[in-house]
Amino acid sequence: MDEWPALPYEDWRLTRDTLHMYTQIVGKLRLALSPFEPEWANVPLYVTARGLTTSPVPVGLRTFDAEFDFADHQLVLRASDGGIERVTLRQPAVADFYAAVMDALRRLDFEVTISPGPSEVPDPIPFADDRTHHTYEPAQVNGFFHVLSAVDVVLKQYRSHFRGKTSPAQFFWGSFDHVVTRFSGRPVEPPADADRITRYGGDAEQICGGFWPGHPQFPSPAFFAYGYPKPEGIDQASIRPAGAAWNADLGEFIFPYDAMRTAPDPSRALLDFLQSSYDASADALGWDPELTRINAPS
């Protein structure tokens, strides 16, 4: 299989949108039950060898985890006392998946209440009522996961080149993207009119790099990077490799996935994008150069 296969947004958009809602339901389990951590570090999902997982979620002194298994196309719910439930991902609609997940949790003796609808999407539909999103094509999900798994490998390599505080490679189900965020350690006062997500996620200086498989505002898979707060003059910075540039509409550096996958060495091209965009933002924000000087064992 091609290491970096094509992932045309329009070809799998309907499946993507349904999967987005599935991940929101499962992600909100973690949001509802896990202690809050700065920058919303208690909410993402993590890439596994078969899909995406919540990691252990506490309910009292018991825990459960929920893993999307994109090989067998099921959600696997595992309790710390040995219970296990499986929910097929090939549901007639999001409403049916939501009901099946909640029923499975009850059979495991977990009573969980989550917010009733998705976050960070236009025109949200309550999960229990959502029969608009009902497309799940396993081959399309396999293609997406193949790309996501490869991206995770490169992001973890990029993450390792930083001495300061950094997030793990993590999948945010609200924005449906996979990111690594580096922090300077300096606090930031969010704007007075900031929404709840920004108020608690934008209170620290940070530089983020990641991947999204396309969305309505940018209907194409791409890598992105930005510094926050936006550094003065960053839109004039020169970054690498060819094809990467500042996108004024999004307010971020963008490197199209297709430009990366057709490069002579795609993984190296992606690392070059992540590092050069970091360097541009870090220089503009006045970050200590020592943060990226790593002495690795020989």
Protein backbone atom coordinates (compact mmCIF):
# COMPACT_ATOMS: atom_id res chain seq x y z
CA MET A 1 0.00 0.00 0.00
CA ASP A 2 1.17 3.52 -0.79
CA GLU A 3 2.83 4.96 2.34
CA TRP A 4 1.05 8.26 1.76
CA PRO A 5 -2.10 7.49 -0.27
CA ALA A 6 -4.38 10.12 -1.76
CA LEU A 7 -7.19 11.30 0.52
CA PRO A 8 -9.53 13.43 -1.65
CA TYR A 9 -11.88 15.31 0.65
CA GLU A 10 -14.95 15.14 -1.57
CA ASP A 11 -14.55 11.40 -2.16
CA TRP A 12 -15.04 10.56 1.51
CA ARG A 13 -16.72 13.69 2.90
CA LEU A 14 -19.94 11.95 3.93
CA THR A 15 -18.06 9.21 5.77
CA ARG A 16 -15.75 11.82 7.28
CA ASP A 17 -18.68 13.81 8.63
CA THR A 18 -20.29 10.72 10.17
CA LEU A 19 -17.00 9.61 11.72
CA HIS A 20 -16.55 13.14 13.09
CA MET A 21 -19.84 12.77 14.97
CA TYR A 22 -18.85 9.31 16.24
CA THR A 23 -15.59 10.70 17.64
CA GLN A 24 -17.47 13.60 19.25
CA ILE A 25 -19.73 11.19 21.13
CA VAL A 26 -16.80 9.14 22.42
CA GLY A 27 -14.64 12.18 23.11
CA LYS A 28 -17.41 13.74 25.18
CA LEU A 29 -17.32 10.70 27.46
CA ARG A 30 -13.78 11.65 28.39
CA LEU A 31 -14.70 15.33 28.62
CA ALA A 32 -17.57 14.57 31.03
CA LEU A 33 -15.61 12.25 33.34
CA SER A 34 -11.92 13.22 33.31
CA PRO A 35 -10.51 15.96 35.57
CA PHE A 36 -9.91 19.19 33.66
CA GLU A 37 -6.32 19.75 32.54
CA PRO A 38 -4.82 22.98 31.15
CA GLU A 39 -5.28 23.51 27.41
CA TRP A 40 -8.04 20.87 27.41
CA ALA A 41 -5.46 18.10 27.73
CA ASN A 42 -8.13 15.88 29.30
CA VAL A 43 -10.27 15.62 26.15
CA PRO A 44 -8.28 14.35 23.09
CA LEU A 45 -8.11 10.88 21.64
CA TYR A 46 -4.85 9.07 20.87
CA VAL A 47 -3.76 6.98 17.89
CA THR A 48 -3.31 3.25 18.50
CA ALA A 49 -2.20 0.47 16.17
CA ARG A 50 -5.85 -0.09 15.23
CA GLY A 51 -7.56 3.28 15.59
CA LEU A 52 -8.21 5.89 18.26
CA THR A 53 -8.59 5.56 22.02
CA THR A 54 -9.76 7.66 24.95
CA SER A 55 -7.14 6.10 27.29
CA PRO A 56 -8.56 5.10 30.74
CA VAL A 57 -11.51 7.26 31.82
CA PRO A 58 -12.33 7.36 35.56
CA VAL A 59 -15.77 6.69 37.04
CA GLY A 60 -15.21 6.73 40.78
CA LEU A 61 -12.31 4.33 41.31
CA ARG A 62 -13.26 2.23 38.27
CA THR A 63 -12.16 3.07 34.76
CA PHE A 64 -13.09 2.23 31.21
CA ASP A 65 -11.56 3.01 27.87
CA ALA A 66 -13.17 3.29 24.46
CA GLU A 67 -11.21 2.40 21.34
CA PHE A 68 -12.25 2.85 17.75
CA ASP A 69 -11.02 -0.30 16.04
CA PHE A 70 -10.79 0.66 12.38
CA ALA A 71 -9.62 -2.84 11.40
CA ASP A 72 -12.81 -4.57 12.59
CA HIS A 73 -14.88 -1.36 12.41
CA GLN A 74 -16.21 -1.43 15.91
CA LEU A 75 -15.99 0.59 19.09
CA VAL A 76 -14.57 -1.51 21.92
CA LEU A 77 -15.48 -0.50 25.49
CA ARG A 78 -13.35 -2.13 28.21
CA ALA A 79 -13.92 -1.81 31.95
CA SER A 80 -11.20 -2.13 34.59
CA ASP A 81 -13.15 -4.96 36.26
CA GLY A 82 -13.04 -7.06 33.11
CA GLY A 83 -16.28 -6.16 31.35
CA ILE A 84 -16.19 -5.59 27.61
CA GLU A 85 -18.74 -4.40 25.05
CA ARG A 86 -18.52 -3.89 21.31
CA VAL A 87 -20.54 -1.50 19.16
CA THR A 88 -20.44 -1.74 15.38
CA LEU A 89 -19.46 1.41 13.51
CA ARG A 90 -21.70 0.43 10.59
CA GLN A 91 -24.77 2.09 12.08
CA PRO A 92 -27.80 3.37 10.16
CA ALA A 93 -27.23 6.86 11.60
CA VAL A 94 -25.41 8.81 14.32
CA ALA A 95 -28.53 8.61 16.50
CA ASP A 96 -28.29 4.80 16.46
CA PHE A 97 -24.58 4.83 17.28
CA TYR A 98 -25.22 7.20 20.18
CA ALA A 99 -27.97 4.98 21.58
CA ALA A 100 -25.84 1.85 21.17
CA VAL A 101 -22.86 3.40 22.99
CA MET A 102 -24.99 4.57 25.91
CA ASP A 103 -26.66 1.16 26.17
CA ALA A 104 -23.27 -0.57 26.15
CA LEU A 105 -22.02 1.67 28.97
CA ARG A 106 -25.10 0.85 31.05
CA ARG A 107 -24.47 -2.87 30.58
CA LEU A 108 -20.98 -2.22 31.97
CA ASP A 109 -22.65 -0.43 34.92
CA PHE A 110 -21.49 3.04 33.93
CA GLU A 111 -24.06 5.82 33.99
CA VAL A 112 -22.71 8.69 31.91
CA THR A 113 -24.33 11.95 30.80
CA ILE A 114 -22.70 13.96 28.04
CA SER A 115 -23.62 17.26 26.43
CA PRO A 116 -26.32 16.43 23.89
CA GLY A 117 -24.77 17.74 20.69
CA PRO A 118 -21.47 18.22 18.85
CA SER A 119 -19.01 21.06 19.40
CA GLU A 120 -17.16 23.31 16.94
CA VAL A 121 -19.42 22.56 13.99
CA PRO A 122 -21.95 24.77 12.19
CA ASP A 123 -25.62 23.86 12.65
CA PRO A 124 -25.07 21.16 15.28
CA ILE A 125 -27.66 18.39 15.48
CA PRO A 126 -28.31 16.68 18.84
CA PHE A 127 -26.79 13.20 18.71
CA ALA A 128 -30.07 11.52 19.64
CA ASP A 129 -31.78 13.20 16.67
CA ASP A 130 -29.03 12.98 14.07
CA ARG A 131 -30.14 10.94 11.09
CA THR A 132 -28.47 13.32 8.66
CA HIS A 133 -25.07 11.66 9.13
CA HIS A 134 -25.46 8.01 8.21
CA THR A 135 -22.59 7.13 5.85
CA TYR A 136 -19.77 4.84 6.97
CA GLU A 137 -17.66 3.26 4.23
CA PRO A 138 -15.05 0.98 5.82
CA ALA A 139 -12.56 1.29 2.95
CA GLN A 140 -12.64 5.07 3.23
CA VAL A 141 -12.07 4.92 6.98
CA ASN A 142 -9.18 2.51 6.40
CA GLY A 143 -7.60 5.02 4.02
CA PHE A 144 -8.00 7.85 6.50
CA PHE A 145 -6.56 5.79 9.34
CA HIS A 146 -3.59 4.75 7.21
CA VAL A 147 -2.76 8.43 6.72
CA LEU A 148 -3.49 9.36 10.34
CA SER A 149 -1.23 6.58 11.64
CA ALA A 150 1.64 7.75 9.42
CA VAL A 151 1.12 11.37 10.48
CA ASP A 152 1.21 10.25 14.12
CA VAL A 153 4.65 8.69 13.59
CA VAL A 154 6.07 11.91 12.14
CA LEU A 155 4.44 14.15 14.75
CA LYS A 156 5.98 12.05 17.51
CA GLN A 157 9.38 12.43 15.88
CA TYR A 158 8.84 16.21 15.71
CA ARG A 159 7.63 16.24 19.34
CA SER A 160 10.84 14.57 20.51
CA HIS A 161 12.94 17.55 19.39
CA PHE A 162 11.76 19.84 22.18
CA ARG A 163 13.11 20.35 25.68
CA GLY A 164 10.15 22.28 27.11
CA LYS A 165 6.55 21.39 27.87
CA THR A 166 4.82 19.77 24.93
CA SER A 167 1.58 17.93 24.38
CA PRO A 168 1.52 14.34 23.17
CA ALA A 169 0.43 13.79 19.59
CA GLN A 170 -3.32 14.04 20.11
CA PHE A 171 -6.52 13.96 18.11
CA PHE A 172 -9.02 16.70 18.90
CA TRP A 173 -12.50 15.44 18.06
CA GLY A 174 -14.05 18.94 18.03
CA SER A 175 -11.86 20.28 15.23
CA PHE A 176 -11.15 16.77 13.86
CA ASP A 177 -7.39 17.28 13.66
CA HIS A 178 -4.22 15.64 14.96
CA VAL A 179 -1.70 17.97 16.58
CA VAL A 180 1.39 18.51 18.70
CA THR A 181 1.61 21.75 20.69
CA ARG A 182 4.77 23.22 22.20
CA PHE A 183 4.69 25.74 25.06
CA SER A 184 7.11 28.47 26.16
CA GLY A 185 5.86 28.48 29.75
CA ARG A 186 4.57 32.05 29.49
CA PRO A 187 0.90 32.74 30.28
CA VAL A 188 -1.44 34.61 27.94
CA GLU A 189 -4.55 36.60 28.77
CA PRO A 190 -7.26 35.45 26.33
CA PRO A 191 -9.34 38.17 24.65
CA ALA A 192 -12.26 39.45 26.72
CA ASP A 193 -14.74 38.14 24.15
CA ALA A 194 -13.11 34.68 23.87
CA ASP A 195 -15.42 31.68 23.74
CA ARG A 196 -15.19 28.93 26.35
CA ILE A 197 -12.81 26.78 24.32
CA THR A 198 -10.38 29.66 23.73
CA ARG A 199 -10.71 30.98 27.27
CA TYR A 200 -9.34 27.76 28.73
CA GLY A 201 -7.25 26.57 25.79
CA GLY A 202 -5.67 29.89 24.84
CA ASP A 203 -4.23 31.02 28.18
CA ALA A 204 -0.65 29.95 27.38
CA GLU A 205 1.84 30.94 24.69
CA GLN A 206 2.12 28.07 22.24
CA ILE A 207 3.17 26.91 18.81
CA CYS A 208 1.06 24.22 17.21
CA GLY A 209 1.58 21.95 14.23
CA GLY A 210 -0.79 19.32 12.93
CA PHE A 211 -2.96 17.70 10.28
CA TRP A 212 -6.58 17.83 9.26
CA PRO A 213 -8.24 15.69 6.57
CA GLY A 214 -10.16 18.67 5.20
CA HIS A 215 -13.22 20.59 6.34
CA PRO A 216 -15.81 22.88 4.70
CA GLN A 217 -13.64 25.99 5.12
CA PHE A 218 -10.63 24.23 3.55
CA PRO A 219 -11.91 21.23 1.57
CA SER A 220 -8.59 19.47 1.17
CA PRO A 221 -6.28 17.52 3.52
CA ALA A 222 -3.41 19.67 4.75
CA PHE A 223 -0.85 20.26 7.46
CA PHE A 224 -1.04 23.48 9.42
CA ALA A 225 1.06 25.43 11.92
CA TYR A 226 0.69 28.63 13.90
CA GLY A 227 2.05 30.55 16.85
CA TYR A 228 -0.28 31.95 19.51
CA PRO A 229 -0.71 34.79 20.16
CA LYS A 230 -0.18 35.53 16.47
CA PRO A 231 3.37 36.94 16.19
CA GLU A 232 3.80 40.32 14.58
CA GLY A 233 4.84 40.01 10.93
CA ILE A 234 4.57 36.21 10.87
CA ASP A 235 2.63 36.34 7.61
CA GLN A 236 5.82 37.60 5.92
CA ALA A 237 7.99 34.74 7.19
CA SER A 238 9.60 32.36 4.71
CA ILE A 239 9.17 28.67 5.48
CA ARG A 240 9.99 25.36 3.83
CA PRO A 241 9.48 23.27 1.76
CA ALA A 242 8.13 24.36 -1.62
CA GLY A 243 4.35 24.46 -1.53
CA ALA A 244 4.13 25.61 2.11
CA ALA A 245 2.96 29.17 2.70
CA TRP A 246 0.97 31.49 4.95
CA ASN A 247 -2.80 31.33 4.36
CA ALA A 248 -4.34 34.71 5.13
CA ASP A 249 -7.90 33.38 5.26
CA LEU A 250 -7.06 30.77 7.90
CA GLY A 251 -4.35 32.79 9.65
CA GLU A 252 -1.97 29.81 9.62
CA PHE A 253 0.87 28.27 7.68
CA ILE A 254 -0.49 25.59 5.34
CA PHE A 255 1.30 22.71 3.62
CA PRO A 256 -1.11 20.80 1.34
CA TYR A 257 -1.12 17.05 1.95
CA ASP A 258 -0.78 16.36 -1.78
CA ALA A 259 2.35 18.54 -1.95
CA MET A 260 3.83 16.55 0.93
CA ARG A 261 2.92 13.09 -0.37
CA THR A 262 4.42 13.77 -3.81
CA ALA A 263 7.72 15.13 -2.43
CA PRO A 264 10.83 12.95 -2.97
CA ASP A 265 10.93 12.24 0.79
CA PRO A 266 7.46 12.99 2.19
CA SER A 267 8.27 12.42 5.85
CA ARG A 268 11.31 14.66 5.62
CA ALA A 269 9.25 17.32 3.84
CA LEU A 270 6.67 17.22 6.64
CA LEU A 271 9.33 17.52 9.33
CA ASP A 272 10.85 20.42 7.41
CA PHE A 273 7.48 22.19 7.37
CA LEU A 274 6.88 21.63 11.07
CA GLN A 275 10.35 22.74 12.09
CA SER A 276 10.65 25.75 9.78
CA SER A 277 7.20 27.06 10.80
CA TYR A 278 8.14 26.51 14.45
CA ASP A 279 11.42 28.38 13.92
CA ALA A 280 9.61 31.33 12.32
CA SER A 281 7.06 31.58 15.13
CA ALA A 282 9.56 30.93 17.92
CA ASP A 283 11.87 33.64 16.60
CA ALA A 284 9.01 36.14 16.34
CA LEU A 285 7.76 35.30 19.85
CA GLY A 286 11.25 35.44 21.36
CA TRP A 287 11.45 31.81 22.54
CA ASP A 288 14.71 30.48 23.97
CA PRO A 289 16.69 28.66 21.23
CA GLU A 290 17.83 26.16 23.85
CA LEU A 291 14.32 24.66 23.84
CA THR A 292 15.18 22.75 20.67
CA ARG A 293 18.76 21.81 21.56
CA ILE A 294 18.56 18.13 22.50
CA ASN A 295 21.48 15.97 23.63
CA ALA A 296 20.44 12.46 22.61
CA PRO A 297 22.28 9.32 23.77
CA SER A 298 24.56 7.86 21.12
